[in-house]
Amino acid sequence: METSSKEEYKIQSFDLETQKLLKTALKDPGSVDLEKVSNIIVDQSLKDQIFSREAGRICYTIVQAEAKQTNGNVFRRNLLNRLQQEFKAREETRQRSTEEWVCLVSFICNIFDYLKVNNMPMVALVHPVYDCLFRLAQSDALKNEEEVDCLVLQLHRIGDQLEKMNLQLMDKLFNLLRDGFLLQEDLSSMGRLLLLEILEFRAGGWTLSETAQKYYYSEVTD
């Protein structure tokens, strides 16, 4: 199966024992400690940026397998409890390490993207996701390219879904981004370019024209 080979590829960074545990959780979640599994996934997501952007797919696979096997939601409950703890401590995390903070935002947004209830995003995650994005849109964060890059990446990925869940908050967020772009003088040229691109991306209905795509992405690679 293509999906399982993708999951296996993503867990290569763990030691062999943990790889074995995760592979079992993906296929036979009832036979492992799912709280331990959720903690392993969150811990890795907070220190590995690439993993944090894709861990939602692994979580989705375990949730589906558990629902099919026992009709249970132990894994999802543990995952959301742990996420709630990390979310509460987000400002301390940001003060301690930008890298860890950016990983946390990527992971929460990735979970929002993958874990659906009746094909709809989880309502419980809408406000936490918005809170993280609003924090990235504050003037101190806009000075940091790593944070701007994270913000833009999340909006590319889940902006249209989030907007459908709460248009008012999305308008508010984009007013902040517009003000930052127009009024904040201490942005880097790359930060400014990223902001302009995301403003145009939303204005175009969450898509970029071919011309705009060429303009921004040739600028980024130059």
C-alpha atoms as a PDB file:
ATOM      1  CA  MET A   1       0.000   0.000   0.000  1.00  0.00           C
ATOM      2  CA  GLU A   2       1.339   3.406  -0.981  1.00  0.00           C
ATOM      3  CA  THR A   3       0.178   5.127   2.224  1.00  0.00           C
ATOM      4  CA  SER A   4       1.848   2.674   4.569  1.00  0.00           C
ATOM      5  CA  SER A   5       5.152   2.907   2.687  1.00  0.00           C
ATOM      6  CA  LYS A   6       4.964   6.706   3.053  1.00  0.00           C
ATOM      7  CA  GLU A   7       4.335   6.340   6.805  1.00  0.00           C
ATOM      8  CA  GLU A   8       7.235   3.921   7.126  1.00  0.00           C
ATOM      9  CA  TYR A   9       9.497   6.357   5.328  1.00  0.00           C
ATOM     10  CA  LYS A  10       8.582   9.093   7.818  1.00  0.00           C
ATOM     11  CA  ILE A  11       9.388   6.994  10.865  1.00  0.00           C
ATOM     12  CA  GLN A  12      12.908   6.058   9.760  1.00  0.00           C
ATOM     13  CA  SER A  13      14.305   8.823  11.994  1.00  0.00           C
ATOM     14  CA  PHE A  14      13.300   6.898  15.162  1.00  0.00           C
ATOM     15  CA  ASP A  15      15.288   4.152  16.876  1.00  0.00           C
ATOM     16  CA  LEU A  16      14.331   0.598  15.871  1.00  0.00           C
ATOM     17  CA  GLU A  17      12.210  -0.119  18.939  1.00  0.00           C
ATOM     18  CA  THR A  18      10.160   3.072  18.423  1.00  0.00           C
ATOM     19  CA  GLN A  19       9.819   2.350  14.698  1.00  0.00           C
ATOM     20  CA  LYS A  20       8.414  -1.065  15.590  1.00  0.00           C
ATOM     21  CA  LEU A  21       5.944   0.493  18.073  1.00  0.00           C
ATOM     22  CA  LEU A  22       4.743   3.062  15.518  1.00  0.00           C
ATOM     23  CA  LYS A  23       4.415   0.478  12.735  1.00  0.00           C
ATOM     24  CA  THR A  24       2.287  -1.669  15.075  1.00  0.00           C
ATOM     25  CA  ALA A  25       0.163   1.362  16.040  1.00  0.00           C
ATOM     26  CA  LEU A  26      -0.508   2.067  12.356  1.00  0.00           C
ATOM     27  CA  LYS A  27      -1.805  -1.470  11.750  1.00  0.00           C
ATOM     28  CA  ASP A  28      -2.950  -2.832  15.128  1.00  0.00           C
ATOM     29  CA  PRO A  29      -3.491   0.127  17.506  1.00  0.00           C
ATOM     30  CA  GLY A  30      -5.383  -1.968  20.065  1.00  0.00           C
ATOM     31  CA  SER A  31      -2.200  -3.890  20.906  1.00  0.00           C
ATOM     32  CA  VAL A  32      -0.028  -0.926  21.961  1.00  0.00           C
ATOM     33  CA  ASP A  33       0.017   1.865  24.554  1.00  0.00           C
ATOM     34  CA  LEU A  34      -1.607   4.668  22.563  1.00  0.00           C
ATOM     35  CA  GLU A  35      -0.772   7.371  25.104  1.00  0.00           C
ATOM     36  CA  LYS A  36       2.897   6.505  24.688  1.00  0.00           C
ATOM     37  CA  VAL A  37       2.485   6.586  20.896  1.00  0.00           C
ATOM     38  CA  SER A  38       0.863  10.033  20.952  1.00  0.00           C
ATOM     39  CA  ASN A  39       3.642  11.382  23.203  1.00  0.00           C
ATOM     40  CA  ILE A  40       6.340  10.001  20.889  1.00  0.00           C
ATOM     41  CA  ILE A  41       4.697  11.679  17.871  1.00  0.00           C
ATOM     42  CA  VAL A  42       4.285  15.041  19.643  1.00  0.00           C
ATOM     43  CA  ASP A  43       7.834  14.979  21.071  1.00  0.00           C
ATOM     44  CA  GLN A  44       9.321  14.274  17.651  1.00  0.00           C
ATOM     45  CA  SER A  45       7.110  16.927  16.033  1.00  0.00           C
ATOM     46  CA  LEU A  46       8.444  19.586  18.408  1.00  0.00           C
ATOM     47  CA  LYS A  47      12.053  18.983  17.393  1.00  0.00           C
ATOM     48  CA  ASP A  48      11.828  17.944  13.750  1.00  0.00           C
ATOM     49  CA  GLN A  49      10.331  20.496  11.386  1.00  0.00           C
ATOM     50  CA  ILE A  50       9.891  18.115   8.456  1.00  0.00           C
ATOM     51  CA  PHE A  51       8.177  15.532  10.668  1.00  0.00           C
ATOM     52  CA  SER A  52       5.919  18.200  12.239  1.00  0.00           C
ATOM     53  CA  ARG A  53       4.559  19.101   8.794  1.00  0.00           C
ATOM     54  CA  GLU A  54       3.610  15.529   7.958  1.00  0.00           C
ATOM     55  CA  ALA A  55       2.840  13.869  11.313  1.00  0.00           C
ATOM     56  CA  GLY A  56      -0.883  14.538  10.825  1.00  0.00           C
ATOM     57  CA  ARG A  57      -0.994  11.820   8.182  1.00  0.00           C
ATOM     58  CA  ILE A  58       0.414   9.258  10.638  1.00  0.00           C
ATOM     59  CA  CYS A  59      -2.078  10.399  13.318  1.00  0.00           C
ATOM     60  CA  TYR A  60      -4.927  10.138  10.811  1.00  0.00           C
ATOM     61  CA  THR A  61      -3.907   6.564   9.903  1.00  0.00           C
ATOM     62  CA  ILE A  62      -3.815   5.507  13.584  1.00  0.00           C
ATOM     63  CA  VAL A  63      -7.182   7.182  14.310  1.00  0.00           C
ATOM     64  CA  GLN A  64      -8.773   5.396  11.337  1.00  0.00           C
ATOM     65  CA  ALA A  65      -7.242   2.044  12.278  1.00  0.00           C
ATOM     66  CA  GLU A  66      -8.420   2.365  15.913  1.00  0.00           C
ATOM     67  CA  ALA A  67     -11.955   3.362  14.870  1.00  0.00           C
ATOM     68  CA  LYS A  68     -12.117   0.360  12.536  1.00  0.00           C
ATOM     69  CA  GLN A  69     -10.645  -2.074  15.048  1.00  0.00           C
ATOM     70  CA  THR A  70     -12.412  -1.146  18.307  1.00  0.00           C
ATOM     71  CA  ASN A  71     -14.569   1.860  17.405  1.00  0.00           C
ATOM     72  CA  GLY A  72     -12.459   3.663  20.023  1.00  0.00           C
ATOM     73  CA  ASN A  73     -10.796   7.084  20.135  1.00  0.00           C
ATOM     74  CA  VAL A  74      -8.132   6.586  22.819  1.00  0.00           C
ATOM     75  CA  PHE A  75      -5.349   7.777  20.539  1.00  0.00           C
ATOM     76  CA  ARG A  76      -7.173  10.915  19.442  1.00  0.00           C
ATOM     77  CA  ARG A  77      -8.130  11.792  23.016  1.00  0.00           C
ATOM     78  CA  ASN A  78      -4.525  11.415  24.222  1.00  0.00           C
ATOM     79  CA  LEU A  79      -3.201  13.359  21.253  1.00  0.00           C
ATOM     80  CA  LEU A  80      -5.599  16.276  21.818  1.00  0.00           C
ATOM     81  CA  ASN A  81      -4.877  16.330  25.575  1.00  0.00           C
ATOM     82  CA  ARG A  82      -1.156  16.561  24.914  1.00  0.00           C
ATOM     83  CA  LEU A  83      -1.696  19.215  22.238  1.00  0.00           C
ATOM     84  CA  GLN A  84      -3.756  21.224  24.702  1.00  0.00           C
ATOM     85  CA  GLN A  85      -0.859  21.172  27.197  1.00  0.00           C
ATOM     86  CA  GLU A  86       1.615  22.296  24.547  1.00  0.00           C
ATOM     87  CA  PHE A  87      -0.777  24.991  23.345  1.00  0.00           C
ATOM     88  CA  LYS A  88      -1.161  26.405  26.873  1.00  0.00           C
ATOM     89  CA  ALA A  89       2.628  26.661  27.196  1.00  0.00           C
ATOM     90  CA  ARG A  90       3.100  28.122  23.700  1.00  0.00           C
ATOM     91  CA  GLU A  91       4.464  31.524  24.777  1.00  0.00           C
ATOM     92  CA  GLU A  92       7.113  29.919  27.008  1.00  0.00           C
ATOM     93  CA  THR A  93       7.988  27.605  24.113  1.00  0.00           C
ATOM     94  CA  ARG A  94       8.373  30.596  21.799  1.00  0.00           C
ATOM     95  CA  GLN A  95      10.596  32.415  24.317  1.00  0.00           C
ATOM     96  CA  ARG A  96      12.729  29.305  24.748  1.00  0.00           C
ATOM     97  CA  SER A  97      13.132  28.293  21.107  1.00  0.00           C
ATOM     98  CA  THR A  98      11.769  29.739  17.864  1.00  0.00           C
ATOM     99  CA  GLU A  99      12.436  26.430  16.166  1.00  0.00           C
ATOM    100  CA  GLU A 100      10.339  24.475  18.684  1.00  0.00           C
ATOM    101  CA  TRP A 101       7.552  27.087  18.492  1.00  0.00           C
ATOM    102  CA  VAL A 102       7.443  26.945  14.691  1.00  0.00           C
ATOM    103  CA  CYS A 103       7.334  23.119  14.898  1.00  0.00           C
ATOM    104  CA  LEU A 104       4.437  23.328  17.358  1.00  0.00           C
ATOM    105  CA  VAL A 105       2.423  25.599  15.038  1.00  0.00           C
ATOM    106  CA  SER A 106       3.151  23.350  12.036  1.00  0.00           C
ATOM    107  CA  PHE A 107       2.053  20.293  13.991  1.00  0.00           C
ATOM    108  CA  ILE A 108      -1.204  21.810  15.304  1.00  0.00           C
ATOM    109  CA  CYS A 109      -2.086  23.042  11.794  1.00  0.00           C
ATOM    110  CA  ASN A 110      -1.211  19.654  10.331  1.00  0.00           C
ATOM    111  CA  ILE A 111      -3.502  17.893  12.822  1.00  0.00           C
ATOM    112  CA  PHE A 112      -6.259  20.385  11.919  1.00  0.00           C
ATOM    113  CA  ASP A 113      -5.687  19.542   8.253  1.00  0.00           C
ATOM    114  CA  TYR A 114      -5.815  15.755   8.653  1.00  0.00           C
ATOM    115  CA  LEU A 115      -8.092  14.892  11.575  1.00  0.00           C
ATOM    116  CA  LYS A 116     -11.659  15.387  10.436  1.00  0.00           C
ATOM    117  CA  VAL A 117     -14.990  14.557  12.040  1.00  0.00           C
ATOM    118  CA  ASN A 118     -17.641  13.675   9.430  1.00  0.00           C
ATOM    119  CA  ASN A 119     -15.321  15.158   6.780  1.00  0.00           C
ATOM    120  CA  MET A 120     -15.252  18.504   8.611  1.00  0.00           C
ATOM    121  CA  PRO A 121     -12.299  20.054  10.476  1.00  0.00           C
ATOM    122  CA  MET A 122     -12.480  19.646  14.250  1.00  0.00           C
ATOM    123  CA  VAL A 123     -14.243  22.664  15.721  1.00  0.00           C
ATOM    124  CA  ALA A 124     -12.183  22.337  18.930  1.00  0.00           C
ATOM    125  CA  LEU A 125      -9.021  23.142  16.967  1.00  0.00           C
ATOM    126  CA  VAL A 126     -10.268  26.233  15.097  1.00  0.00           C
ATOM    127  CA  HIS A 127      -9.557  28.787  17.843  1.00  0.00           C
ATOM    128  CA  PRO A 128      -6.197  27.308  18.918  1.00  0.00           C
ATOM    129  CA  VAL A 129      -5.033  27.346  15.280  1.00  0.00           C
ATOM    130  CA  TYR A 130      -6.181  30.957  14.851  1.00  0.00           C
ATOM    131  CA  ASP A 131      -4.489  31.904  18.158  1.00  0.00           C
ATOM    132  CA  CYS A 132      -1.172  30.508  16.882  1.00  0.00           C
ATOM    133  CA  LEU A 133      -1.493  32.347  13.551  1.00  0.00           C
ATOM    134  CA  PHE A 134      -2.421  35.611  15.287  1.00  0.00           C
ATOM    135  CA  ARG A 135       0.709  35.254  17.438  1.00  0.00           C
ATOM    136  CA  LEU A 136       2.778  34.852  14.259  1.00  0.00           C
ATOM    137  CA  ALA A 137       1.158  38.008  12.864  1.00  0.00           C
ATOM    138  CA  GLN A 138       2.299  40.251  15.770  1.00  0.00           C
ATOM    139  CA  SER A 139       4.946  42.837  14.932  1.00  0.00           C
ATOM    140  CA  ASP A 140       7.741  41.108  16.909  1.00  0.00           C
ATOM    141  CA  ALA A 141       7.119  37.817  15.049  1.00  0.00           C
ATOM    142  CA  LEU A 142       6.906  39.531  11.644  1.00  0.00           C
ATOM    143  CA  LYS A 143      10.528  40.625  12.146  1.00  0.00           C
ATOM    144  CA  ASN A 144      11.550  36.979  12.242  1.00  0.00           C
ATOM    145  CA  GLU A 145      11.717  35.325   8.799  1.00  0.00           C
ATOM    146  CA  GLU A 146      11.347  31.851  10.299  1.00  0.00           C
ATOM    147  CA  GLU A 147       8.018  32.830  11.876  1.00  0.00           C
ATOM    148  CA  VAL A 148       6.755  34.633   8.753  1.00  0.00           C
ATOM    149  CA  ASP A 149       7.688  31.609   6.667  1.00  0.00           C
ATOM    150  CA  CYS A 150       5.782  29.326   9.071  1.00  0.00           C
ATOM    151  CA  LEU A 151       2.721  31.612   9.004  1.00  0.00           C
ATOM    152  CA  VAL A 152       2.619  31.743   5.200  1.00  0.00           C
ATOM    153  CA  LEU A 153       3.137  28.001   4.911  1.00  0.00           C
ATOM    154  CA  GLN A 154       0.184  27.261   7.219  1.00  0.00           C
ATOM    155  CA  LEU A 155      -2.082  29.711   5.393  1.00  0.00           C
ATOM    156  CA  HIS A 156      -1.207  28.082   2.076  1.00  0.00           C
ATOM    157  CA  ARG A 157      -2.091  24.732   3.529  1.00  0.00           C
ATOM    158  CA  ILE A 158      -5.231  25.375   5.591  1.00  0.00           C
ATOM    159  CA  GLY A 159      -6.220  29.019   4.990  1.00  0.00           C
ATOM    160  CA  ASP A 160      -9.279  28.231   2.898  1.00  0.00           C
ATOM    161  CA  GLN A 161     -10.515  25.582   5.398  1.00  0.00           C
ATOM    162  CA  LEU A 162     -10.001  27.983   8.314  1.00  0.00           C
ATOM    163  CA  GLU A 163     -11.785  30.795   6.504  1.00  0.00           C
ATOM    164  CA  LYS A 164     -14.837  28.561   6.005  1.00  0.00           C
ATOM    165  CA  MET A 165     -14.860  27.829   9.750  1.00  0.00           C
ATOM    166  CA  ASN A 166     -14.603  31.502  10.787  1.00  0.00           C
ATOM    167  CA  LEU A 167     -14.490  34.251   8.161  1.00  0.00           C
ATOM    168  CA  GLN A 168     -14.474  37.056  10.731  1.00  0.00           C
ATOM    169  CA  LEU A 169     -11.240  35.862  12.342  1.00  0.00           C
ATOM    170  CA  MET A 170      -9.595  35.388   8.947  1.00  0.00           C
ATOM    171  CA  ASP A 171     -10.490  38.981   7.996  1.00  0.00           C
ATOM    172  CA  LYS A 172      -9.024  40.169  11.291  1.00  0.00           C
ATOM    173  CA  LEU A 173      -5.833  38.165  10.725  1.00  0.00           C
ATOM    174  CA  PHE A 174      -5.373  39.562   7.226  1.00  0.00           C
ATOM    175  CA  ASN A 175      -5.947  43.126   8.454  1.00  0.00           C
ATOM    176  CA  LEU A 176      -3.013  42.544  10.807  1.00  0.00           C
ATOM    177  CA  LEU A 177      -0.875  41.153   7.983  1.00  0.00           C
ATOM    178  CA  ARG A 178      -1.792  44.056   5.693  1.00  0.00           C
ATOM    179  CA  ASP A 179      -0.913  46.576   8.421  1.00  0.00           C
ATOM    180  CA  GLY A 180       2.353  44.759   9.062  1.00  0.00           C
ATOM    181  CA  PHE A 181       3.222  44.816   5.382  1.00  0.00           C
ATOM    182  CA  LEU A 182       2.313  48.497   4.903  1.00  0.00           C
ATOM    183  CA  LEU A 183       3.332  50.068   8.202  1.00  0.00           C
ATOM    184  CA  GLN A 184       6.106  48.002   9.749  1.00  0.00           C
ATOM    185  CA  GLU A 185       9.494  49.314   8.690  1.00  0.00           C
ATOM    186  CA  ASP A 186      11.769  46.685  10.203  1.00  0.00           C
ATOM    187  CA  LEU A 187      10.676  43.738   8.023  1.00  0.00           C
ATOM    188  CA  SER A 188      13.335  41.915   6.011  1.00  0.00           C
ATOM    189  CA  SER A 189      12.920  42.024   2.238  1.00  0.00           C
ATOM    190  CA  MET A 190      12.127  38.284   2.274  1.00  0.00           C
ATOM    191  CA  GLY A 191       9.550  38.761   5.065  1.00  0.00           C
ATOM    192  CA  ARG A 192       7.929  41.562   3.060  1.00  0.00           C
ATOM    193  CA  LEU A 193       7.851  39.426  -0.081  1.00  0.00           C
ATOM    194  CA  LEU A 194       6.266  36.496   1.785  1.00  0.00           C
ATOM    195  CA  LEU A 195       3.582  38.774   3.243  1.00  0.00           C
ATOM    196  CA  LEU A 196       2.800  40.316  -0.128  1.00  0.00           C
ATOM    197  CA  GLU A 197       2.520  36.845  -1.641  1.00  0.00           C
ATOM    198  CA  ILE A 198       0.065  35.603   1.021  1.00  0.00           C
ATOM    199  CA  LEU A 199      -2.049  38.786   0.748  1.00  0.00           C
ATOM    200  CA  GLU A 200      -2.279  38.210  -2.993  1.00  0.00           C
ATOM    201  CA  PHE A 201      -2.892  34.475  -2.493  1.00  0.00           C
ATOM    202  CA  ARG A 202      -5.998  35.079  -0.391  1.00  0.00           C
ATOM    203  CA  ALA A 203      -7.209  37.957  -2.585  1.00  0.00           C
ATOM    204  CA  GLY A 204      -7.108  35.504  -5.510  1.00  0.00           C
ATOM    205  CA  GLY A 205      -9.414  33.061  -3.693  1.00  0.00           C
ATOM    206  CA  TRP A 206      -6.573  31.069  -2.093  1.00  0.00           C
ATOM    207  CA  THR A 207      -4.760  30.596  -5.361  1.00  0.00           C
ATOM    208  CA  LEU A 208      -2.049  32.435  -7.292  1.00  0.00           C
ATOM    209  CA  SER A 209      -2.161  33.312 -10.953  1.00  0.00           C
ATOM    210  CA  GLU A 210       0.590  31.754 -13.060  1.00  0.00           C
ATOM    211  CA  THR A 211       2.250  35.156 -13.453  1.00  0.00           C
ATOM    212  CA  ALA A 212       2.218  35.796  -9.710  1.00  0.00           C
ATOM    213  CA  GLN A 213       3.523  32.277  -9.067  1.00  0.00           C
ATOM    214  CA  LYS A 214       6.464  32.886 -11.412  1.00  0.00           C
ATOM    215  CA  TYR A 215       7.148  36.299  -9.890  1.00  0.00           C
ATOM    216  CA  TYR A 216       7.214  35.157  -6.261  1.00  0.00           C
ATOM    217  CA  TYR A 217       8.926  31.848  -6.727  1.00  0.00           C
ATOM    218  CA  SER A 218      11.642  33.135  -9.036  1.00  0.00           C
ATOM    219  CA  GLU A 219      12.269  35.861  -6.411  1.00  0.00           C
ATOM    220  CA  VAL A 220      12.471  33.263  -3.670  1.00  0.00           C
ATOM    221  CA  THR A 221      14.908  31.034  -5.571  1.00  0.00           C
ATOM    222  CA  ASP A 222      17.105  33.877  -6.865  1.00  0.00           C
END
